[in-house]
């Protein structure tokens, strides 16, 4: 998987919008997430904030997901 690959993410919105990811779609395939651990909110040197998550899929794969403040999502890595 390329780090720049475009993904779609379905999220749970509780007390705030896009509180945590529920599933992601890569190359038209939806992947259900069964365990999501928030890492935290990080602000880089340019002032752009992002929220990071470690997520485990139903099939056992693991992802590091990033939600950027401009509402983009990225996958940094994937582990089988």
C-alpha atoms as a PDB file:
ATOM      1  CA  UNK A   1       0.000   0.000   0.000  1.00  0.00           C
ATOM      2  CA  UNK A   2       1.298   3.429  -0.904  1.00  0.00           C
ATOM      3  CA  UNK A   3       1.296   6.096   1.797  1.00  0.00           C
ATOM      4  CA  UNK A   4      -0.332   8.529  -0.619  1.00  0.00           C
ATOM      5  CA  UNK A   5      -3.187   6.213  -1.586  1.00  0.00           C
ATOM      6  CA  UNK A   6      -6.586   7.879  -1.292  1.00  0.00           C
ATOM      7  CA  UNK A   7      -8.898   6.284   1.240  1.00  0.00           C
ATOM      8  CA  UNK A   8     -12.417   6.844   2.522  1.00  0.00           C
ATOM      9  CA  UNK A   9     -13.131   6.544   6.226  1.00  0.00           C
ATOM     10  CA  UNK A  10     -16.462   6.062   7.991  1.00  0.00           C
ATOM     11  CA  UNK A  11     -16.394   7.492  11.482  1.00  0.00           C
ATOM     12  CA  UNK A  12     -18.313   7.540  14.738  1.00  0.00           C
ATOM     13  CA  UNK A  13     -19.339  11.032  15.819  1.00  0.00           C
ATOM     14  CA  UNK A  14     -20.165  11.319  19.505  1.00  0.00           C
ATOM     15  CA  UNK A  15     -19.382  14.425  21.499  1.00  0.00           C
ATOM     16  CA  UNK A  16     -17.323  15.641  18.535  1.00  0.00           C
ATOM     17  CA  UNK A  17     -17.381  15.044  14.772  1.00  0.00           C
ATOM     18  CA  UNK A  18     -15.223  12.195  13.416  1.00  0.00           C
ATOM     19  CA  UNK A  19     -14.401  11.031  16.934  1.00  0.00           C
ATOM     20  CA  UNK A  20     -12.990   7.682  15.791  1.00  0.00           C
ATOM     21  CA  UNK A  21     -12.799   5.606  12.592  1.00  0.00           C
ATOM     22  CA  UNK A  22     -15.186   2.645  12.173  1.00  0.00           C
ATOM     23  CA  UNK A  23     -14.144   1.409   8.718  1.00  0.00           C
ATOM     24  CA  UNK A  24     -11.983   2.418   5.790  1.00  0.00           C
ATOM     25  CA  UNK A  25     -12.294   1.824   2.073  1.00  0.00           C
ATOM     26  CA  UNK A  26      -9.172   1.184  -0.002  1.00  0.00           C
ATOM     27  CA  UNK A  27      -9.393   0.392  -3.728  1.00  0.00           C
ATOM     28  CA  UNK A  28     -13.154  -0.046  -3.370  1.00  0.00           C
ATOM     29  CA  UNK A  29     -12.881  -2.634  -0.569  1.00  0.00           C
ATOM     30  CA  UNK A  30     -14.385  -1.769   2.806  1.00  0.00           C
ATOM     31  CA  UNK A  31     -12.378  -2.875   5.836  1.00  0.00           C
ATOM     32  CA  UNK A  32     -14.217  -3.068   9.180  1.00  0.00           C
ATOM     33  CA  UNK A  33     -12.204  -1.884  12.180  1.00  0.00           C
ATOM     34  CA  UNK A  34     -12.721  -3.791  15.433  1.00  0.00           C
ATOM     35  CA  UNK A  35     -10.240  -2.080  17.746  1.00  0.00           C
ATOM     36  CA  UNK A  36      -9.219   1.575  17.526  1.00  0.00           C
ATOM     37  CA  UNK A  37      -6.729   3.187  19.897  1.00  0.00           C
ATOM     38  CA  UNK A  38      -6.342   6.977  19.780  1.00  0.00           C
ATOM     39  CA  UNK A  39      -2.694   8.036  19.935  1.00  0.00           C
ATOM     40  CA  UNK A  40      -3.425  11.735  20.316  1.00  0.00           C
ATOM     41  CA  UNK A  41      -3.512  15.088  18.592  1.00  0.00           C
ATOM     42  CA  UNK A  42      -0.237  16.325  17.148  1.00  0.00           C
ATOM     43  CA  UNK A  43       0.604  19.791  15.815  1.00  0.00           C
ATOM     44  CA  UNK A  44       3.501  19.982  13.349  1.00  0.00           C
ATOM     45  CA  UNK A  45       5.957  22.844  12.814  1.00  0.00           C
ATOM     46  CA  UNK A  46       3.652  24.484  10.252  1.00  0.00           C
ATOM     47  CA  UNK A  47       0.819  24.579  12.804  1.00  0.00           C
ATOM     48  CA  UNK A  48      -1.266  21.897  11.058  1.00  0.00           C
ATOM     49  CA  UNK A  49      -2.987  19.549  13.532  1.00  0.00           C
ATOM     50  CA  UNK A  50      -3.693  15.879  13.047  1.00  0.00           C
ATOM     51  CA  UNK A  51      -5.197  13.080  15.099  1.00  0.00           C
ATOM     52  CA  UNK A  52      -3.500   9.685  14.980  1.00  0.00           C
ATOM     53  CA  UNK A  53      -5.002   6.250  15.602  1.00  0.00           C
ATOM     54  CA  UNK A  54      -3.810   2.659  15.637  1.00  0.00           C
ATOM     55  CA  UNK A  55      -6.578   0.429  14.269  1.00  0.00           C
ATOM     56  CA  UNK A  56      -7.026  -3.322  13.971  1.00  0.00           C
ATOM     57  CA  UNK A  57      -9.242  -4.698  11.213  1.00  0.00           C
ATOM     58  CA  UNK A  58     -11.627  -7.624  11.533  1.00  0.00           C
ATOM     59  CA  UNK A  59      -9.194  -9.717   9.435  1.00  0.00           C
ATOM     60  CA  UNK A  60      -6.249  -8.986  11.776  1.00  0.00           C
ATOM     61  CA  UNK A  61      -4.465  -6.315   9.733  1.00  0.00           C
ATOM     62  CA  UNK A  62      -3.232  -3.242  11.609  1.00  0.00           C
ATOM     63  CA  UNK A  63      -3.175   0.341  10.386  1.00  0.00           C
ATOM     64  CA  UNK A  64      -1.909   3.693  11.564  1.00  0.00           C
ATOM     65  CA  UNK A  65      -4.523   6.246  10.517  1.00  0.00           C
ATOM     66  CA  UNK A  66      -4.112  10.008  10.447  1.00  0.00           C
ATOM     67  CA  UNK A  67      -7.010  12.470  10.339  1.00  0.00           C
ATOM     68  CA  UNK A  68      -5.798  15.895   9.213  1.00  0.00           C
ATOM     69  CA  UNK A  69      -7.543  19.070  10.350  1.00  0.00           C
ATOM     70  CA  UNK A  70      -8.578  19.771   6.723  1.00  0.00           C
ATOM     71  CA  UNK A  71     -10.613  16.505   6.911  1.00  0.00           C
ATOM     72  CA  UNK A  72      -8.223  14.313   4.881  1.00  0.00           C
ATOM     73  CA  UNK A  73      -7.359  10.797   6.032  1.00  0.00           C
ATOM     74  CA  UNK A  74      -4.057   8.975   5.462  1.00  0.00           C
ATOM     75  CA  UNK A  75      -2.773   5.479   6.131  1.00  0.00           C
ATOM     76  CA  UNK A  76       0.874   5.528   7.177  1.00  0.00           C
ATOM     77  CA  UNK A  77       1.468   1.814   7.457  1.00  0.00           C
ATOM     78  CA  UNK A  78      -0.210  -1.528   7.357  1.00  0.00           C
ATOM     79  CA  UNK A  79       0.791  -4.713   9.170  1.00  0.00           C
ATOM     80  CA  UNK A  80      -0.632  -8.185   8.446  1.00  0.00           C
END
